[in-house]
Amino acid sequence: MLNLFIQETPELSTEQTKKTLSLIELIFSSGVAGSIIIGILFILLFVAVYIYFERFFTIKKASIFDENFIGAIKEKVSAGNITEAKAICKEKDSPVSRLTAKGISRIGSPLEDINTAIENAGKLEVYKLEKNVSILATVAGAAPMIGFLGTVIGMVLAFHQLATSSGTADMGSLAEGIYTAMTTTVAGLIVGIIAYIGYNHLVVKTDKVVHQMESTAVDFLDLLNEPAS
C-alpha cells in the first residue's frame, strides 16, 4: 500500500501542474465571446491610460505657480503700468496668469463686473483642465459591467451546453468553461480599478490648480480695493 501511494503521488502532482493556467492562457481560452469582451476592455484600458497621462502632464504644467507673480502684478498695477502687467501674465501663460489678465483687462469697470469676468474666465480654465477626465470615470464604471457581461454570456453558454447534453456533460469541461468565463470579470475589474484611481488622482491635481486660481482672484480683487480703503 505504501509503494502504491508513493507511485501515485507524482502523477497527481503532474496532473495539478497541467491544470495551472497563466493569465494569457486564460484570456485566449475564454472563447469567442470572451475574447471580444476582453478585446473591448483592452481598448478601454488603452484609452484610460492615454487620457490619464495626457491630462496629468497638462495639469502638472498648469499647477506650476510663481509665488512672486501676484506681487509683480501688484507693483505694476499700483504704478499704473497696465501694459507691463499684461505682459507678465502673457509670459507666464498659465490658468492663474490668464485669470489675472482677464481681471487686468477690465480695470476701470465696476468691481462687480471685474469679479464676474474673472469667474467666467475661471470656469473656462477649469473646463480646459477637466477635458476628457469624465471619460476616465465612465471607463471606471463601465469596465466592470462589461466584464461581468462577458461572464454572464460565458455562464449562459456553459449551462446551455449542460442542458443540451441532457445532463451528461463532462463536469470538468463545464467547470473549465465557467472559470474561463470569469476571466472577463477579472479583466473588467482591473481596468475599472486603474481608471478609478487615475480619475481620482486627476481630480485632486485639478482641485489644487482651482485653489490657486481662487486664491489669486481674491488677492487681485483685494488689490483693486486697496486705493479705495
C-alpha atoms as a PDB file:
ATOM      1  CA  MET A   1       0.000   0.000   0.000  1.00  0.00           C
ATOM      2  CA  LEU A   2       2.851   2.368   0.834  1.00  0.00           C
ATOM      3  CA  ASN A   3       4.525   1.733  -2.528  1.00  0.00           C
ATOM      4  CA  LEU A   4       1.224   2.296  -4.336  1.00  0.00           C
ATOM      5  CA  PHE A   5       0.773   5.639  -2.604  1.00  0.00           C
ATOM      6  CA  ILE A   6       4.297   6.734  -3.444  1.00  0.00           C
ATOM      7  CA  GLN A   7       3.868   5.851  -7.103  1.00  0.00           C
ATOM      8  CA  GLU A   8       0.578   7.704  -7.490  1.00  0.00           C
ATOM      9  CA  THR A   9       1.748  10.910  -5.866  1.00  0.00           C
ATOM     10  CA  PRO A  10       3.956  12.135  -8.785  1.00  0.00           C
ATOM     11  CA  GLU A  11       1.118  11.502 -11.220  1.00  0.00           C
ATOM     12  CA  LEU A  12      -1.182  13.615  -9.090  1.00  0.00           C
ATOM     13  CA  SER A  13       1.421  16.391  -8.977  1.00  0.00           C
ATOM     14  CA  THR A  14       1.793  16.263 -12.753  1.00  0.00           C
ATOM     15  CA  GLU A  15      -1.953  16.484 -13.226  1.00  0.00           C
ATOM     16  CA  GLN A  16      -2.138  19.513 -10.910  1.00  0.00           C
ATOM     17  CA  THR A  17       0.633  21.209 -12.887  1.00  0.00           C
ATOM     18  CA  LYS A  18      -1.269  20.716 -16.113  1.00  0.00           C
ATOM     19  CA  LYS A  19      -4.308  22.469 -14.624  1.00  0.00           C
ATOM     20  CA  THR A  20      -2.285  25.590 -13.799  1.00  0.00           C
ATOM     21  CA  LEU A  21      -3.020  28.338 -16.329  1.00  0.00           C
ATOM     22  CA  SER A  22      -1.329  31.653 -16.859  1.00  0.00           C
ATOM     23  CA  LEU A  23      -3.289  34.869 -17.318  1.00  0.00           C
ATOM     24  CA  ILE A  24      -2.502  34.889 -21.060  1.00  0.00           C
ATOM     25  CA  GLU A  25      -3.773  31.319 -21.415  1.00  0.00           C
ATOM     26  CA  LEU A  26      -6.955  32.219 -19.572  1.00  0.00           C
ATOM     27  CA  ILE A  27      -7.555  35.167 -21.882  1.00  0.00           C
ATOM     28  CA  PHE A  28      -7.093  33.166 -25.064  1.00  0.00           C
ATOM     29  CA  SER A  29      -9.109  30.230 -23.753  1.00  0.00           C
ATOM     30  CA  SER A  30     -12.177  32.314 -22.906  1.00  0.00           C
ATOM     31  CA  GLY A  31     -13.924  31.597 -26.205  1.00  0.00           C
ATOM     32  CA  VAL A  32     -15.000  33.926 -28.985  1.00  0.00           C
ATOM     33  CA  ALA A  33     -17.432  35.969 -26.888  1.00  0.00           C
ATOM     34  CA  GLY A  34     -14.938  36.253 -24.015  1.00  0.00           C
ATOM     35  CA  SER A  35     -12.132  37.253 -26.376  1.00  0.00           C
ATOM     36  CA  ILE A  36     -14.293  40.008 -27.865  1.00  0.00           C
ATOM     37  CA  ILE A  37     -15.172  41.325 -24.406  1.00  0.00           C
ATOM     38  CA  ILE A  38     -11.535  41.258 -23.311  1.00  0.00           C
ATOM     39  CA  GLY A  39     -10.552  42.995 -26.556  1.00  0.00           C
ATOM     40  CA  ILE A  40     -13.015  45.786 -25.742  1.00  0.00           C
ATOM     41  CA  LEU A  41     -11.582  46.018 -22.230  1.00  0.00           C
ATOM     42  CA  PHE A  42      -8.046  46.336 -23.598  1.00  0.00           C
ATOM     43  CA  ILE A  43      -9.209  49.203 -25.803  1.00  0.00           C
ATOM     44  CA  LEU A  44     -10.797  50.882 -22.777  1.00  0.00           C
ATOM     45  CA  LEU A  45      -7.576  50.360 -20.825  1.00  0.00           C
ATOM     46  CA  PHE A  46      -5.539  51.994 -23.594  1.00  0.00           C
ATOM     47  CA  VAL A  47      -7.947  54.958 -23.721  1.00  0.00           C
ATOM     48  CA  ALA A  48      -7.879  55.341 -19.930  1.00  0.00           C
ATOM     49  CA  VAL A  49      -4.079  55.227 -19.723  1.00  0.00           C
ATOM     50  CA  TYR A  50      -3.693  57.690 -22.618  1.00  0.00           C
ATOM     51  CA  ILE A  51      -6.160  60.190 -21.130  1.00  0.00           C
ATOM     52  CA  TYR A  52      -4.583  59.881 -17.689  1.00  0.00           C
ATOM     53  CA  PHE A  53      -1.054  60.684 -18.807  1.00  0.00           C
ATOM     54  CA  GLU A  54      -2.164  63.384 -21.271  1.00  0.00           C
ATOM     55  CA  ARG A  55      -4.192  65.137 -18.566  1.00  0.00           C
ATOM     56  CA  PHE A  56      -1.574  64.501 -15.889  1.00  0.00           C
ATOM     57  CA  PHE A  57       1.179  66.368 -17.755  1.00  0.00           C
ATOM     58  CA  THR A  58      -1.248  69.138 -18.778  1.00  0.00           C
ATOM     59  CA  ILE A  59      -2.431  69.685 -15.196  1.00  0.00           C
ATOM     60  CA  LYS A  60       1.118  69.403 -13.869  1.00  0.00           C
ATOM     61  CA  LYS A  61       2.208  72.186 -16.218  1.00  0.00           C
ATOM     62  CA  ALA A  62      -0.794  74.303 -15.186  1.00  0.00           C
ATOM     63  CA  SER A  63      -0.026  73.815 -11.478  1.00  0.00           C
ATOM     64  CA  ILE A  64       3.393  75.494 -11.726  1.00  0.00           C
ATOM     65  CA  PHE A  65       2.916  78.662  -9.690  1.00  0.00           C
ATOM     66  CA  ASP A  66       5.307  81.555  -9.163  1.00  0.00           C
ATOM     67  CA  GLU A  67       4.986  82.870  -5.609  1.00  0.00           C
ATOM     68  CA  ASN A  68       6.195  86.295  -6.754  1.00  0.00           C
ATOM     69  CA  PHE A  69       3.619  86.554  -9.543  1.00  0.00           C
ATOM     70  CA  ILE A  70       0.866  88.416  -7.698  1.00  0.00           C
ATOM     71  CA  GLY A  71       3.476  90.693  -6.085  1.00  0.00           C
ATOM     72  CA  ALA A  72       4.817  91.683  -9.505  1.00  0.00           C
ATOM     73  CA  ILE A  73       1.285  92.310 -10.761  1.00  0.00           C
ATOM     74  CA  LYS A  74       0.514  94.428  -7.698  1.00  0.00           C
ATOM     75  CA  GLU A  75       3.631  96.516  -8.281  1.00  0.00           C
ATOM     76  CA  LYS A  76       2.812  97.175 -11.952  1.00  0.00           C
ATOM     77  CA  VAL A  77      -0.887  97.894 -11.383  1.00  0.00           C
ATOM     78  CA  SER A  78      -0.163 100.218  -8.464  1.00  0.00           C
ATOM     79  CA  ALA A  79       2.265 102.122 -10.681  1.00  0.00           C
ATOM     80  CA  GLY A  80      -0.327 102.296 -13.450  1.00  0.00           C
ATOM     81  CA  ASN A  81       1.738 100.102 -15.812  1.00  0.00           C
ATOM     82  CA  ILE A  82      -1.202  98.059 -17.084  1.00  0.00           C
ATOM     83  CA  THR A  83       0.587  97.085 -20.296  1.00  0.00           C
ATOM     84  CA  GLU A  84       3.552  95.655 -18.376  1.00  0.00           C
ATOM     85  CA  ALA A  85       1.191  93.789 -16.058  1.00  0.00           C
ATOM     86  CA  LYS A  86      -0.484  92.182 -19.071  1.00  0.00           C
ATOM     87  CA  ALA A  87       2.943  91.291 -20.460  1.00  0.00           C
ATOM     88  CA  ILE A  88       3.828  89.477 -17.234  1.00  0.00           C
ATOM     89  CA  CYS A  89       0.594  87.482 -17.446  1.00  0.00           C
ATOM     90  CA  LYS A  90       1.242  86.591 -21.076  1.00  0.00           C
ATOM     91  CA  GLU A  91       4.777  85.474 -20.260  1.00  0.00           C
ATOM     92  CA  LYS A  92       3.620  83.089 -17.521  1.00  0.00           C
ATOM     93  CA  ASP A  93       0.885  81.526 -19.709  1.00  0.00           C
ATOM     94  CA  SER A  94      -0.890  79.546 -17.001  1.00  0.00           C
ATOM     95  CA  PRO A  95      -4.515  79.357 -15.804  1.00  0.00           C
ATOM     96  CA  VAL A  96      -3.677  81.681 -12.931  1.00  0.00           C
ATOM     97  CA  SER A  97      -2.000  84.246 -15.201  1.00  0.00           C
ATOM     98  CA  ARG A  98      -4.810  84.114 -17.779  1.00  0.00           C
ATOM     99  CA  LEU A  99      -7.337  84.641 -14.995  1.00  0.00           C
ATOM    100  CA  THR A 100      -5.380  87.641 -13.742  1.00  0.00           C
ATOM    101  CA  ALA A 101      -5.021  89.008 -17.275  1.00  0.00           C
ATOM    102  CA  LYS A 102      -8.794  88.937 -17.671  1.00  0.00           C
ATOM    103  CA  GLY A 103      -9.154  90.988 -14.491  1.00  0.00           C
ATOM    104  CA  ILE A 104      -6.471  93.447 -15.589  1.00  0.00           C
ATOM    105  CA  SER A 105      -8.219  93.962 -18.922  1.00  0.00           C
ATOM    106  CA  ARG A 106     -11.349  95.054 -17.036  1.00  0.00           C
ATOM    107  CA  ILE A 107      -9.645  97.570 -14.754  1.00  0.00           C
ATOM    108  CA  GLY A 108     -11.759 100.737 -14.729  1.00  0.00           C
ATOM    109  CA  SER A 109     -15.033  98.806 -14.807  1.00  0.00           C
ATOM    110  CA  PRO A 110     -17.189  98.325 -11.689  1.00  0.00           C
ATOM    111  CA  LEU A 111     -15.712  95.812  -9.249  1.00  0.00           C
ATOM    112  CA  GLU A 112     -18.720  93.535  -9.677  1.00  0.00           C
ATOM    113  CA  ASP A 113     -18.145  93.362 -13.434  1.00  0.00           C
ATOM    114  CA  ILE A 114     -14.476  92.540 -12.895  1.00  0.00           C
ATOM    115  CA  ASN A 115     -15.433  89.787 -10.458  1.00  0.00           C
ATOM    116  CA  THR A 116     -17.940  88.324 -12.950  1.00  0.00           C
ATOM    117  CA  ALA A 117     -15.352  88.385 -15.754  1.00  0.00           C
ATOM    118  CA  ILE A 118     -12.827  86.578 -13.539  1.00  0.00           C
ATOM    119  CA  GLU A 119     -15.412  83.955 -12.556  1.00  0.00           C
ATOM    120  CA  ASN A 120     -16.328  83.290 -16.189  1.00  0.00           C
ATOM    121  CA  ALA A 121     -12.663  83.035 -17.148  1.00  0.00           C
ATOM    122  CA  GLY A 122     -12.136  80.655 -14.223  1.00  0.00           C
ATOM    123  CA  LYS A 123     -14.944  78.375 -15.397  1.00  0.00           C
ATOM    124  CA  LEU A 124     -13.370  78.230 -18.841  1.00  0.00           C
ATOM    125  CA  GLU A 125      -9.971  77.334 -17.385  1.00  0.00           C
ATOM    126  CA  VAL A 126     -11.487  74.599 -15.211  1.00  0.00           C
ATOM    127  CA  TYR A 127     -13.280  73.205 -18.268  1.00  0.00           C
ATOM    128  CA  LYS A 128      -9.952  73.055 -20.125  1.00  0.00           C
ATOM    129  CA  LEU A 129      -8.309  71.241 -17.212  1.00  0.00           C
ATOM    130  CA  GLU A 130     -11.139  68.715 -16.882  1.00  0.00           C
ATOM    131  CA  LYS A 131     -11.301  67.977 -20.624  1.00  0.00           C
ATOM    132  CA  ASN A 132     -11.840  64.217 -21.201  1.00  0.00           C
ATOM    133  CA  VAL A 133     -11.380  63.439 -17.489  1.00  0.00           C
ATOM    134  CA  SER A 134     -15.026  62.355 -17.306  1.00  0.00           C
ATOM    135  CA  ILE A 135     -14.168  59.571 -19.778  1.00  0.00           C
ATOM    136  CA  LEU A 136     -11.989  58.037 -17.070  1.00  0.00           C
ATOM    137  CA  ALA A 137     -14.973  57.999 -14.711  1.00  0.00           C
ATOM    138  CA  THR A 138     -17.074  56.363 -17.435  1.00  0.00           C
ATOM    139  CA  VAL A 139     -14.427  53.677 -18.021  1.00  0.00           C
ATOM    140  CA  ALA A 140     -14.145  53.090 -14.272  1.00  0.00           C
ATOM    141  CA  GLY A 141     -17.872  52.389 -14.082  1.00  0.00           C
ATOM    142  CA  ALA A 142     -18.390  50.641 -17.433  1.00  0.00           C
ATOM    143  CA  ALA A 143     -15.379  48.278 -17.484  1.00  0.00           C
ATOM    144  CA  PRO A 144     -16.519  46.068 -14.554  1.00  0.00           C
ATOM    145  CA  MET A 145     -20.020  45.859 -16.020  1.00  0.00           C
ATOM    146  CA  ILE A 146     -18.667  44.906 -19.457  1.00  0.00           C
ATOM    147  CA  GLY A 147     -16.503  42.254 -17.806  1.00  0.00           C
ATOM    148  CA  PHE A 148     -19.489  40.920 -15.882  1.00  0.00           C
ATOM    149  CA  LEU A 149     -21.466  40.822 -19.131  1.00  0.00           C
ATOM    150  CA  GLY A 150     -18.790  38.564 -20.608  1.00  0.00           C
ATOM    151  CA  THR A 151     -19.015  36.296 -17.580  1.00  0.00           C
ATOM    152  CA  VAL A 152     -22.801  36.088 -17.824  1.00  0.00           C
ATOM    153  CA  ILE A 153     -22.542  35.205 -21.521  1.00  0.00           C
ATOM    154  CA  GLY A 154     -19.997  32.504 -20.687  1.00  0.00           C
ATOM    155  CA  MET A 155     -22.195  31.107 -17.917  1.00  0.00           C
ATOM    156  CA  VAL A 156     -25.207  31.032 -20.239  1.00  0.00           C
ATOM    157  CA  LEU A 157     -23.208  29.113 -22.852  1.00  0.00           C
ATOM    158  CA  ALA A 158     -21.870  26.693 -20.232  1.00  0.00           C
ATOM    159  CA  PHE A 159     -25.310  25.890 -18.857  1.00  0.00           C
ATOM    160  CA  HIS A 160     -26.708  25.707 -22.374  1.00  0.00           C
ATOM    161  CA  GLN A 161     -24.115  23.011 -23.054  1.00  0.00           C
ATOM    162  CA  LEU A 162     -25.264  21.200 -19.914  1.00  0.00           C
ATOM    163  CA  ALA A 163     -28.927  21.470 -20.924  1.00  0.00           C
ATOM    164  CA  THR A 164     -28.421  20.277 -24.495  1.00  0.00           C
ATOM    165  CA  SER A 165     -26.383  17.293 -23.308  1.00  0.00           C
ATOM    166  CA  SER A 166     -29.299  16.051 -21.156  1.00  0.00           C
ATOM    167  CA  GLY A 167     -27.198  16.406 -18.022  1.00  0.00           C
ATOM    168  CA  THR A 168     -24.427  14.137 -19.281  1.00  0.00           C
ATOM    169  CA  ALA A 169     -21.902  16.891 -19.986  1.00  0.00           C
ATOM    170  CA  ASP A 170     -18.398  16.367 -18.642  1.00  0.00           C
ATOM    171  CA  MET A 171     -18.171  18.303 -15.362  1.00  0.00           C
ATOM    172  CA  GLY A 172     -14.521  19.084 -15.996  1.00  0.00           C
ATOM    173  CA  SER A 173     -15.330  20.766 -19.287  1.00  0.00           C
ATOM    174  CA  LEU A 174     -18.265  22.574 -17.695  1.00  0.00           C
ATOM    175  CA  ALA A 175     -16.102  23.865 -14.832  1.00  0.00           C
ATOM    176  CA  GLU A 176     -13.414  24.960 -17.292  1.00  0.00           C
ATOM    177  CA  GLY A 177     -15.976  26.898 -19.307  1.00  0.00           C
ATOM    178  CA  ILE A 178     -17.188  28.642 -16.161  1.00  0.00           C
ATOM    179  CA  TYR A 179     -13.788  29.725 -14.840  1.00  0.00           C
ATOM    180  CA  THR A 180     -12.585  30.905 -18.225  1.00  0.00           C
ATOM    181  CA  ALA A 181     -15.775  32.974 -18.487  1.00  0.00           C
ATOM    182  CA  MET A 182     -14.908  34.535 -15.128  1.00  0.00           C
ATOM    183  CA  THR A 183     -11.715  35.978 -16.641  1.00  0.00           C
ATOM    184  CA  THR A 184     -13.734  38.775 -18.261  1.00  0.00           C
ATOM    185  CA  THR A 185     -14.914  39.916 -14.830  1.00  0.00           C
ATOM    186  CA  VAL A 186     -11.316  39.897 -13.577  1.00  0.00           C
ATOM    187  CA  ALA A 187     -10.182  41.907 -16.605  1.00  0.00           C
ATOM    188  CA  GLY A 188     -13.076  44.345 -16.197  1.00  0.00           C
ATOM    189  CA  LEU A 189     -12.269  44.908 -12.524  1.00  0.00           C
ATOM    190  CA  ILE A 190      -8.580  45.512 -13.282  1.00  0.00           C
ATOM    191  CA  VAL A 191      -9.404  48.098 -15.959  1.00  0.00           C
ATOM    192  CA  GLY A 192     -12.045  49.710 -13.740  1.00  0.00           C
ATOM    193  CA  ILE A 193      -9.698  49.989 -10.760  1.00  0.00           C
ATOM    194  CA  ILE A 194      -6.918  51.546 -12.862  1.00  0.00           C
ATOM    195  CA  ALA A 195      -9.342  54.082 -14.392  1.00  0.00           C
ATOM    196  CA  TYR A 196     -10.880  54.866 -10.993  1.00  0.00           C
ATOM    197  CA  ILE A 197      -7.516  55.539  -9.329  1.00  0.00           C
ATOM    198  CA  GLY A 198      -6.384  57.637 -12.297  1.00  0.00           C
ATOM    199  CA  TYR A 199      -9.606  59.667 -12.265  1.00  0.00           C
ATOM    200  CA  ASN A 200      -9.391  60.479  -8.553  1.00  0.00           C
ATOM    201  CA  HIS A 201      -5.739  61.422  -8.833  1.00  0.00           C
ATOM    202  CA  LEU A 202      -6.507  63.879 -11.635  1.00  0.00           C
ATOM    203  CA  VAL A 203      -9.397  65.333  -9.619  1.00  0.00           C
ATOM    204  CA  VAL A 204      -7.029  66.031  -6.720  1.00  0.00           C
ATOM    205  CA  LYS A 205      -4.471  67.650  -9.037  1.00  0.00           C
ATOM    206  CA  THR A 206      -7.193  69.774 -10.687  1.00  0.00           C
ATOM    207  CA  ASP A 207      -8.534  70.919  -7.313  1.00  0.00           C
ATOM    208  CA  LYS A 208      -5.062  72.176  -6.460  1.00  0.00           C
ATOM    209  CA  VAL A 209      -4.981  74.357  -9.588  1.00  0.00           C
ATOM    210  CA  VAL A 210      -8.538  75.607  -8.910  1.00  0.00           C
ATOM    211  CA  HIS A 211      -7.488  76.577  -5.387  1.00  0.00           C
ATOM    212  CA  GLN A 212      -4.548  78.550  -6.822  1.00  0.00           C
ATOM    213  CA  MET A 213      -6.873  80.383  -9.211  1.00  0.00           C
ATOM    214  CA  GLU A 214      -9.350  81.225  -6.451  1.00  0.00           C
ATOM    215  CA  SER A 215      -6.582  82.461  -4.155  1.00  0.00           C
ATOM    216  CA  THR A 216      -5.083  84.624  -6.912  1.00  0.00           C
ATOM    217  CA  ALA A 217      -8.509  86.043  -7.828  1.00  0.00           C
ATOM    218  CA  VAL A 218      -9.103  87.063  -4.215  1.00  0.00           C
ATOM    219  CA  ASP A 219      -5.667  88.686  -3.990  1.00  0.00           C
ATOM    220  CA  PHE A 220      -6.264  90.573  -7.235  1.00  0.00           C
ATOM    221  CA  LEU A 221      -9.670  91.882  -6.113  1.00  0.00           C
ATOM    222  CA  ASP A 222      -8.118  92.938  -2.791  1.00  0.00           C
ATOM    223  CA  LEU A 223      -5.501  94.824  -4.816  1.00  0.00           C
ATOM    224  CA  LEU A 224      -8.227  96.738  -6.652  1.00  0.00           C
ATOM    225  CA  ASN A 225      -9.885  97.566  -3.351  1.00  0.00           C
ATOM    226  CA  GLU A 226      -6.738  98.989  -1.791  1.00  0.00           C
ATOM    227  CA  PRO A 227      -6.912 102.502  -3.322  1.00  0.00           C
ATOM    228  CA  ALA A 228     -10.450 102.902  -2.020  1.00  0.00           C
ATOM    229  CA  SER A 229      -9.520 101.857   1.518  1.00  0.00           C
END
